[in-house]
Amino acid sequence: MSTANPARTALGARISGWLRFAAFYLSEIVKSNIMIAWDVLTPTDRSRPGIVELELPEGLSDVQILLISNLITMTPGSLTLDLSPDRRILVLHILYLDDRAELIRHLQKNYVQRVRQLF
């Protein structure tokens, strides 16, 4: 009868989580680059720039906030502009803002929640 080493299992889960996150983020970068390249190469300007406030949950560490803001900034078409003094709101500039509510839902689910799960 074999028993799994809990430390090894936890390490494997962390590595798996980081690999899944890296795959997700790489796909975000590819999609964003394709969207911007298409917009540059076609005669119609499809950009709809706007400012969005992304509410952050309580209890995020400085490292988590920094990672979220940098990941958003490194994704083409988005830029982190400011963090509120209470560290609860990230102010973002978005180049392609179609549906504000959908964008916020996407950022909450795919950036904020994923980063929280990594730490």
C-alpha atoms as a PDB file:
ATOM      1  CA  MET A   1       0.000   0.000   0.000  1.00  0.00           C
ATOM      2  CA  SER A   2       1.526   3.330  -1.054  1.00  0.00           C
ATOM      3  CA  THR A   3       0.730   6.677   0.433  1.00  0.00           C
ATOM      4  CA  ALA A   4       1.266   9.938  -1.403  1.00  0.00           C
ATOM      5  CA  ASN A   5       3.697  12.413   0.076  1.00  0.00           C
ATOM      6  CA  PRO A   6       1.552  15.493   0.960  1.00  0.00           C
ATOM      7  CA  ALA A   7       4.411  17.944   0.315  1.00  0.00           C
ATOM      8  CA  ARG A   8       5.047  16.440  -3.104  1.00  0.00           C
ATOM      9  CA  THR A   9       1.331  16.505  -3.937  1.00  0.00           C
ATOM     10  CA  ALA A  10       1.083  20.175  -2.883  1.00  0.00           C
ATOM     11  CA  LEU A  11       4.139  21.075  -4.971  1.00  0.00           C
ATOM     12  CA  GLY A  12       2.677  19.266  -7.975  1.00  0.00           C
ATOM     13  CA  ALA A  13      -0.605  21.155  -7.572  1.00  0.00           C
ATOM     14  CA  ARG A  14       1.234  24.501  -7.384  1.00  0.00           C
ATOM     15  CA  ILE A  15       3.316  23.735 -10.458  1.00  0.00           C
ATOM     16  CA  SER A  16       0.199  22.597 -12.313  1.00  0.00           C
ATOM     17  CA  GLY A  17      -1.600  25.809 -11.306  1.00  0.00           C
ATOM     18  CA  TRP A  18       1.259  27.989 -12.565  1.00  0.00           C
ATOM     19  CA  LEU A  19       1.432  26.048 -15.849  1.00  0.00           C
ATOM     20  CA  ARG A  20      -2.328  26.432 -16.410  1.00  0.00           C
ATOM     21  CA  PHE A  21      -2.033  30.130 -15.654  1.00  0.00           C
ATOM     22  CA  ALA A  22       0.896  30.532 -18.058  1.00  0.00           C
ATOM     23  CA  ALA A  23      -1.091  28.801 -20.823  1.00  0.00           C
ATOM     24  CA  PHE A  24      -4.101  31.047 -20.150  1.00  0.00           C
ATOM     25  CA  TYR A  25      -1.978  34.199 -20.159  1.00  0.00           C
ATOM     26  CA  LEU A  26      -0.126  33.247 -23.329  1.00  0.00           C
ATOM     27  CA  SER A  27      -3.481  32.763 -25.083  1.00  0.00           C
ATOM     28  CA  GLU A  28      -4.593  36.218 -23.843  1.00  0.00           C
ATOM     29  CA  ILE A  29      -1.457  37.810 -25.292  1.00  0.00           C
ATOM     30  CA  VAL A  30      -1.874  36.021 -28.634  1.00  0.00           C
ATOM     31  CA  LYS A  31      -5.558  37.022 -28.908  1.00  0.00           C
ATOM     32  CA  SER A  32      -4.786  40.643 -28.043  1.00  0.00           C
ATOM     33  CA  ASN A  33      -1.917  40.830 -30.519  1.00  0.00           C
ATOM     34  CA  ILE A  34      -4.097  39.414 -33.293  1.00  0.00           C
ATOM     35  CA  MET A  35      -6.838  41.944 -32.521  1.00  0.00           C
ATOM     36  CA  ILE A  36      -4.404  44.880 -32.605  1.00  0.00           C
ATOM     37  CA  ALA A  37      -2.634  43.614 -35.735  1.00  0.00           C
ATOM     38  CA  TRP A  38      -5.976  43.218 -37.510  1.00  0.00           C
ATOM     39  CA  ASP A  39      -6.973  46.731 -36.512  1.00  0.00           C
ATOM     40  CA  VAL A  40      -3.672  48.171 -37.768  1.00  0.00           C
ATOM     41  CA  LEU A  41      -3.738  46.248 -41.064  1.00  0.00           C
ATOM     42  CA  THR A  42      -7.359  46.965 -41.998  1.00  0.00           C
ATOM     43  CA  PRO A  43      -8.698  50.385 -43.018  1.00  0.00           C
ATOM     44  CA  THR A  44     -11.408  50.500 -40.331  1.00  0.00           C
ATOM     45  CA  ASP A  45     -10.389  51.648 -36.861  1.00  0.00           C
ATOM     46  CA  ARG A  46     -12.138  49.275 -34.457  1.00  0.00           C
ATOM     47  CA  SER A  47     -10.756  50.760 -31.234  1.00  0.00           C
ATOM     48  CA  ARG A  48     -13.174  52.029 -28.626  1.00  0.00           C
ATOM     49  CA  PRO A  49     -10.927  53.310 -25.839  1.00  0.00           C
ATOM     50  CA  GLY A  50     -12.243  53.767 -22.350  1.00  0.00           C
ATOM     51  CA  ILE A  51     -11.378  53.920 -18.679  1.00  0.00           C
ATOM     52  CA  VAL A  52     -12.524  51.115 -16.366  1.00  0.00           C
ATOM     53  CA  GLU A  53     -12.342  50.728 -12.610  1.00  0.00           C
ATOM     54  CA  LEU A  54     -11.612  47.161 -11.543  1.00  0.00           C
ATOM     55  CA  GLU A  55     -12.597  46.456  -7.949  1.00  0.00           C
ATOM     56  CA  LEU A  56     -10.108  44.287  -6.086  1.00  0.00           C
ATOM     57  CA  PRO A  57     -11.106  41.985  -3.226  1.00  0.00           C
ATOM     58  CA  GLU A  58      -9.862  42.653   0.286  1.00  0.00           C
ATOM     59  CA  GLY A  59      -6.833  40.792   1.480  1.00  0.00           C
ATOM     60  CA  LEU A  60      -4.726  40.855  -1.673  1.00  0.00           C
ATOM     61  CA  SER A  61      -1.022  41.139  -0.948  1.00  0.00           C
ATOM     62  CA  ASP A  62       1.194  43.760  -2.556  1.00  0.00           C
ATOM     63  CA  VAL A  63       2.688  41.019  -4.730  1.00  0.00           C
ATOM     64  CA  GLN A  64      -0.739  39.889  -5.941  1.00  0.00           C
ATOM     65  CA  ILE A  65      -1.814  43.457  -6.763  1.00  0.00           C
ATOM     66  CA  LEU A  66       1.471  44.082  -8.559  1.00  0.00           C
ATOM     67  CA  LEU A  67       1.120  40.858 -10.546  1.00  0.00           C
ATOM     68  CA  ILE A  68      -2.487  41.618 -11.547  1.00  0.00           C
ATOM     69  CA  SER A  69      -1.662  45.166 -12.629  1.00  0.00           C
ATOM     70  CA  ASN A  70       1.447  44.099 -14.560  1.00  0.00           C
ATOM     71  CA  LEU A  71      -0.345  41.224 -16.301  1.00  0.00           C
ATOM     72  CA  ILE A  72      -3.086  43.600 -17.419  1.00  0.00           C
ATOM     73  CA  THR A  73      -0.521  46.161 -18.617  1.00  0.00           C
ATOM     74  CA  MET A  74       1.504  43.549 -20.517  1.00  0.00           C
ATOM     75  CA  THR A  75      -1.594  42.411 -22.398  1.00  0.00           C
ATOM     76  CA  PRO A  76      -1.707  44.479 -25.600  1.00  0.00           C
ATOM     77  CA  GLY A  77      -4.547  46.996 -25.640  1.00  0.00           C
ATOM     78  CA  SER A  78      -4.744  47.486 -21.878  1.00  0.00           C
ATOM     79  CA  LEU A  79      -2.842  49.606 -19.401  1.00  0.00           C
ATOM     80  CA  THR A  80      -3.005  50.001 -15.632  1.00  0.00           C
ATOM     81  CA  LEU A  81      -3.178  53.717 -14.848  1.00  0.00           C
ATOM     82  CA  ASP A  82      -3.602  53.924 -11.088  1.00  0.00           C
ATOM     83  CA  LEU A  83      -4.317  52.119  -7.844  1.00  0.00           C
ATOM     84  CA  SER A  84      -6.672  53.792  -5.371  1.00  0.00           C
ATOM     85  CA  PRO A  85      -5.155  54.807  -2.006  1.00  0.00           C
ATOM     86  CA  ASP A  86      -7.185  52.107  -0.236  1.00  0.00           C
ATOM     87  CA  ARG A  87      -5.762  49.482  -2.690  1.00  0.00           C
ATOM     88  CA  ARG A  88      -9.283  48.374  -3.682  1.00  0.00           C
ATOM     89  CA  ILE A  89      -9.589  49.782  -7.237  1.00  0.00           C
ATOM     90  CA  LEU A  90      -7.299  49.490 -10.231  1.00  0.00           C
ATOM     91  CA  VAL A  91      -7.934  52.147 -12.863  1.00  0.00           C
ATOM     92  CA  LEU A  92      -7.373  50.761 -16.365  1.00  0.00           C
ATOM     93  CA  HIS A  93      -7.261  52.144 -19.887  1.00  0.00           C
ATOM     94  CA  ILE A  94      -8.752  49.663 -22.340  1.00  0.00           C
ATOM     95  CA  LEU A  95      -8.274  50.115 -26.093  1.00  0.00           C
ATOM     96  CA  TYR A  96     -11.172  47.848 -27.147  1.00  0.00           C
ATOM     97  CA  LEU A  97     -13.998  48.472 -24.687  1.00  0.00           C
ATOM     98  CA  ASP A  98     -17.185  46.916 -26.067  1.00  0.00           C
ATOM     99  CA  ASP A  99     -19.035  45.780 -22.961  1.00  0.00           C
ATOM    100  CA  ARG A 100     -17.799  47.249 -19.679  1.00  0.00           C
ATOM    101  CA  ALA A 101     -19.608  44.704 -17.479  1.00  0.00           C
ATOM    102  CA  GLU A 102     -18.328  41.747 -19.526  1.00  0.00           C
ATOM    103  CA  LEU A 103     -14.772  43.091 -19.446  1.00  0.00           C
ATOM    104  CA  ILE A 104     -14.876  43.513 -15.671  1.00  0.00           C
ATOM    105  CA  ARG A 105     -16.293  39.991 -15.273  1.00  0.00           C
ATOM    106  CA  HIS A 106     -13.512  38.640 -17.529  1.00  0.00           C
ATOM    107  CA  LEU A 107     -10.782  40.465 -15.584  1.00  0.00           C
ATOM    108  CA  GLN A 108     -12.203  39.381 -12.217  1.00  0.00           C
ATOM    109  CA  LYS A 109     -12.491  35.737 -13.243  1.00  0.00           C
ATOM    110  CA  ASN A 110      -9.376  35.367 -15.361  1.00  0.00           C
ATOM    111  CA  TYR A 111      -6.881  37.681 -13.708  1.00  0.00           C
ATOM    112  CA  VAL A 112      -7.881  38.472 -10.125  1.00  0.00           C
ATOM    113  CA  GLN A 113      -9.240  35.035  -9.179  1.00  0.00           C
ATOM    114  CA  ARG A 114      -6.469  33.141 -10.957  1.00  0.00           C
ATOM    115  CA  VAL A 115      -3.750  35.213  -9.261  1.00  0.00           C
ATOM    116  CA  ARG A 116      -5.449  34.647  -5.880  1.00  0.00           C
ATOM    117  CA  GLN A 117      -5.328  30.896  -6.506  1.00  0.00           C
ATOM    118  CA  LEU A 118      -1.599  30.999  -7.285  1.00  0.00           C
ATOM    119  CA  PHE A 119      -0.663  32.320  -3.830  1.00  0.00           C
END
